[in-house]
């Protein structure tokens, strides 16, 4: 095996070991020594790949982002031909996909947030880019963002293990969020939204004085 292949294999072994430790023991137990023991790598071999625990967490976050980005690109190819709002459909489908991934990967991401909040700058920038695209393609951006926010809520409660829903219930809700036909009747054209925003609020009626 040549050196680049050996290096990539060691890197992947270290990342998998990190996910195993976080899932089994919690993020507080993640150390370079623990990763070396779990992966079977020497401490020197591990530190050739990652100098710090934060570097491991950053790599885990980037790995997950890459995997979901690949899923999104594949889904978008079909969504452009089948959906009036392909960016929204892709975001909803990607979040649904994330809920069925092993929780160990989700724990790795949560660990990255806790240990190094600045690591979330890149995912946050991606969110801004994607939500701007959703608004731009939608005839009713607010309704589109409500659908996006509902899907994000389903994802986060699932990742955190606090969802009261069964897997089947969650999947049905994602299916409804993805079904454009169920939302078409609720869409408000821009003119209607502007008129509604411009209409003055009704003054509150004062109670009549008792005689």
Protein backbone atom coordinates (compact mmCIF):
# COMPACT_ATOMS: atom_id res chain seq x y z
CA UNK A 1 0.00 0.00 0.00
CA UNK A 2 1.47 3.41 -0.99
CA UNK A 3 1.83 6.22 1.52
CA UNK A 4 -1.20 8.32 0.37
CA UNK A 5 -3.48 5.27 0.63
CA UNK A 6 -2.09 4.36 4.05
CA UNK A 7 -2.56 7.94 5.24
CA UNK A 8 -6.17 8.05 4.05
CA UNK A 9 -6.88 4.74 5.71
CA UNK A 10 -5.42 5.99 9.01
CA UNK A 11 -7.45 9.19 8.78
CA UNK A 12 -10.70 7.30 8.18
CA UNK A 13 -9.93 4.89 11.02
CA UNK A 14 -9.36 7.80 13.38
CA UNK A 15 -12.64 9.50 12.40
CA UNK A 16 -14.62 6.29 12.76
CA UNK A 17 -13.04 5.69 16.15
CA UNK A 18 -14.01 9.22 17.21
CA UNK A 19 -17.64 8.62 16.22
CA UNK A 20 -17.63 5.32 18.13
CA UNK A 21 -16.26 6.97 21.28
CA UNK A 22 -18.74 9.85 21.14
CA UNK A 23 -21.65 7.49 20.58
CA UNK A 24 -20.63 5.00 23.27
CA UNK A 25 -19.02 7.17 25.94
CA UNK A 26 -20.11 10.73 25.19
CA UNK A 27 -18.18 13.69 23.76
CA UNK A 28 -16.48 14.38 27.10
CA UNK A 29 -14.51 11.13 26.74
CA UNK A 30 -13.12 12.01 23.34
CA UNK A 31 -9.35 12.44 23.60
CA UNK A 32 -6.48 11.72 21.27
CA UNK A 33 -5.37 8.87 23.55
CA UNK A 34 -8.88 7.35 23.39
CA UNK A 35 -8.96 7.67 19.60
CA UNK A 36 -5.55 6.00 19.31
CA UNK A 37 -6.67 3.07 21.48
CA UNK A 38 -10.00 2.67 19.66
CA UNK A 39 -8.51 2.88 16.18
CA UNK A 40 -5.40 0.80 16.85
CA UNK A 41 -3.18 3.63 15.65
CA UNK A 42 -0.10 4.72 17.49
CA UNK A 43 -0.28 8.11 19.19
CA UNK A 44 2.36 9.39 16.78
CA UNK A 45 0.49 8.01 13.78
CA UNK A 46 -2.72 9.67 14.96
CA UNK A 47 -1.05 13.01 15.57
CA UNK A 48 0.38 12.88 12.07
CA UNK A 49 -3.26 13.15 10.95
CA UNK A 50 -4.73 15.31 13.72
CA UNK A 51 -2.75 17.49 16.10
CA UNK A 52 -5.68 18.28 18.41
CA UNK A 53 -9.13 17.02 19.36
CA UNK A 54 -10.59 20.16 17.79
CA UNK A 55 -9.00 19.14 14.49
CA UNK A 56 -10.77 15.77 14.76
CA UNK A 57 -14.12 17.45 15.43
CA UNK A 58 -13.61 19.83 12.51
CA UNK A 59 -12.87 16.89 10.22
CA UNK A 60 -15.99 15.07 11.43
CA UNK A 61 -18.12 18.13 10.70
CA UNK A 62 -16.60 18.56 7.24
CA UNK A 63 -17.11 14.85 6.52
CA UNK A 64 -20.81 15.05 7.36
CA UNK A 65 -21.26 18.23 5.35
CA UNK A 66 -19.62 16.62 2.34
CA UNK A 67 -21.85 13.55 2.55
CA UNK A 68 -25.04 15.58 2.75
CA UNK A 69 -23.83 17.94 0.02
CA UNK A 70 -23.42 14.95 -2.29
CA UNK A 71 -26.92 13.75 -1.43
CA UNK A 72 -28.30 17.25 -2.10
CA UNK A 73 -26.62 17.49 -5.51
CA UNK A 74 -28.05 14.15 -6.60
CA UNK A 75 -31.52 15.05 -5.35
CA UNK A 76 -31.45 18.47 -6.99
CA UNK A 77 -30.89 16.91 -10.41
CA UNK A 78 -34.31 15.25 -10.21
CA UNK A 79 -36.01 18.05 -8.26
CA UNK A 80 -35.40 20.56 -11.05
CA UNK A 81 -37.61 18.45 -13.31
CA UNK A 82 -40.27 17.47 -10.80
CA UNK A 83 -40.74 20.38 -8.40
CA UNK A 84 -41.69 24.04 -8.81
CA UNK A 85 -39.42 24.78 -5.86
CA UNK A 86 -36.38 22.51 -6.35
CA UNK A 87 -34.20 24.22 -3.73
CA UNK A 88 -36.87 23.83 -1.06
CA UNK A 89 -37.55 20.23 -2.08
CA UNK A 90 -33.83 19.43 -1.90
CA UNK A 91 -33.47 21.01 1.55
CA UNK A 92 -36.49 19.13 2.89
CA UNK A 93 -35.29 15.82 1.45
CA UNK A 94 -31.78 16.34 2.81
CA UNK A 95 -33.10 17.00 6.30
CA UNK A 96 -35.26 13.89 6.06
CA UNK A 97 -32.18 11.92 5.03
CA UNK A 98 -30.28 13.28 8.03
CA UNK A 99 -32.92 11.94 10.43
CA UNK A 100 -32.34 8.36 9.29
CA UNK A 101 -28.55 8.49 9.57
CA UNK A 102 -26.98 6.80 12.61
CA UNK A 103 -27.28 8.92 15.74
CA UNK A 104 -23.55 8.50 16.32
CA UNK A 105 -22.88 10.88 13.45
CA UNK A 106 -25.35 13.38 14.90
CA UNK A 107 -23.60 13.14 18.26
CA UNK A 108 -20.33 13.91 16.55
CA UNK A 109 -21.81 17.08 15.11
CA UNK A 110 -23.26 18.11 18.46
CA UNK A 111 -19.89 17.49 20.06
CA UNK A 112 -18.30 19.80 17.51
CA UNK A 113 -20.78 22.55 18.42
CA UNK A 114 -20.17 22.19 22.16
CA UNK A 115 -16.40 21.97 21.94
CA UNK A 116 -15.85 24.62 19.30
CA UNK A 117 -18.89 26.82 18.46
CA UNK A 118 -16.92 28.64 15.76
CA UNK A 119 -16.94 25.43 13.70
CA UNK A 120 -20.61 26.13 12.97
CA UNK A 121 -19.77 29.25 10.97
CA UNK A 122 -19.45 27.26 7.75
CA UNK A 123 -22.78 25.36 8.14
CA UNK A 124 -24.46 28.65 9.08
CA UNK A 125 -23.18 30.30 5.90
CA UNK A 126 -24.49 27.36 3.85
CA UNK A 127 -27.89 27.73 5.54
CA UNK A 128 -28.01 31.43 4.62
CA UNK A 129 -27.14 30.65 1.01
CA UNK A 130 -29.75 27.91 0.74
CA UNK A 131 -32.56 29.81 2.45
CA UNK A 132 -31.93 32.81 0.20
CA UNK A 133 -32.29 30.50 -2.80
CA UNK A 134 -35.52 29.09 -1.36
CA UNK A 135 -36.98 32.58 -0.96
CA UNK A 136 -35.90 33.59 -4.46
CA UNK A 137 -37.66 30.68 -6.17
CA UNK A 138 -40.88 30.76 -4.12
CA UNK A 139 -44.06 32.62 -5.02
CA UNK A 140 -44.71 32.83 -1.27
CA UNK A 141 -41.31 32.97 0.48
CA UNK A 142 -42.81 33.04 3.96
CA UNK A 143 -44.74 29.83 3.41
CA UNK A 144 -41.65 28.21 1.92
CA UNK A 145 -39.64 29.18 4.99
CA UNK A 146 -42.34 27.81 7.28
CA UNK A 147 -41.99 24.46 5.53
CA UNK A 148 -38.21 24.67 5.85
CA UNK A 149 -38.42 25.58 9.55
CA UNK A 150 -40.83 22.72 10.25
CA UNK A 151 -38.42 20.26 8.64
CA UNK A 152 -35.52 21.69 10.63
CA UNK A 153 -37.54 21.20 13.81
CA UNK A 154 -38.26 17.58 12.91
CA UNK A 155 -34.54 17.04 12.29
CA UNK A 156 -33.27 18.69 15.46
CA UNK A 157 -35.73 17.00 17.80
CA UNK A 158 -34.81 13.68 16.22
CA UNK A 159 -31.05 14.29 16.56
CA UNK A 160 -31.40 15.40 20.16
CA UNK A 161 -33.53 12.38 21.03
CA UNK A 162 -36.44 14.49 22.30
CA UNK A 163 -38.96 13.90 19.51
CA UNK A 164 -42.33 12.50 20.70
CA UNK A 165 -42.99 11.16 17.20
CA UNK A 166 -42.48 7.64 15.94
CA UNK A 167 -40.31 7.14 12.87
CA UNK A 168 -43.43 6.47 10.81
CA UNK A 169 -45.12 9.66 12.02
CA UNK A 170 -42.05 11.72 11.27
CA UNK A 171 -41.76 10.23 7.78
CA UNK A 172 -45.40 11.08 7.04
CA UNK A 173 -44.85 14.67 8.13
CA UNK A 174 -41.80 14.97 5.89
CA UNK A 175 -43.87 13.56 3.02
CA UNK A 176 -46.50 16.27 3.55
CA UNK A 177 -43.86 18.98 3.72
CA UNK A 178 -42.44 17.74 0.41
CA UNK A 179 -45.85 17.59 -1.33
CA UNK A 180 -46.22 20.95 -3.12
CA UNK A 181 -49.88 20.24 -3.93
CA UNK A 182 -50.81 20.31 -0.25
CA UNK A 183 -49.43 23.85 0.09
CA UNK A 184 -50.53 25.47 -3.15
CA UNK A 185 -53.87 26.64 -1.74
CA UNK A 186 -52.08 28.44 1.11
CA UNK A 187 -49.69 30.39 -1.08
CA UNK A 188 -50.28 34.14 -1.16
CA UNK A 189 -49.10 36.14 -4.19
CA UNK A 190 -46.76 39.04 -3.47
CA UNK A 191 -49.51 41.62 -4.04
CA UNK A 192 -51.77 39.95 -1.47
CA UNK A 193 -48.97 39.78 1.09
CA UNK A 194 -48.12 43.45 0.53
CA UNK A 195 -51.75 44.52 0.88
CA UNK A 196 -52.12 42.52 4.07
CA UNK A 197 -48.98 44.07 5.55
CA UNK A 198 -50.10 47.57 4.59
CA UNK A 199 -53.59 47.32 6.06
CA UNK A 200 -53.79 49.24 9.36
CA UNK A 201 -54.47 47.29 12.50
CA UNK A 202 -57.96 47.65 13.87
CA UNK A 203 -58.12 49.79 16.99
CA UNK A 204 -59.10 47.88 20.08
CA UNK A 205 -62.64 48.49 21.22
CA UNK A 206 -62.90 50.13 24.62
CA UNK A 207 -65.30 48.46 27.03
CA UNK A 208 -68.46 50.42 27.67
CA UNK A 209 -68.69 52.13 30.99
CA UNK A 210 -71.26 50.62 33.27
CA UNK A 211 -74.09 52.86 34.38
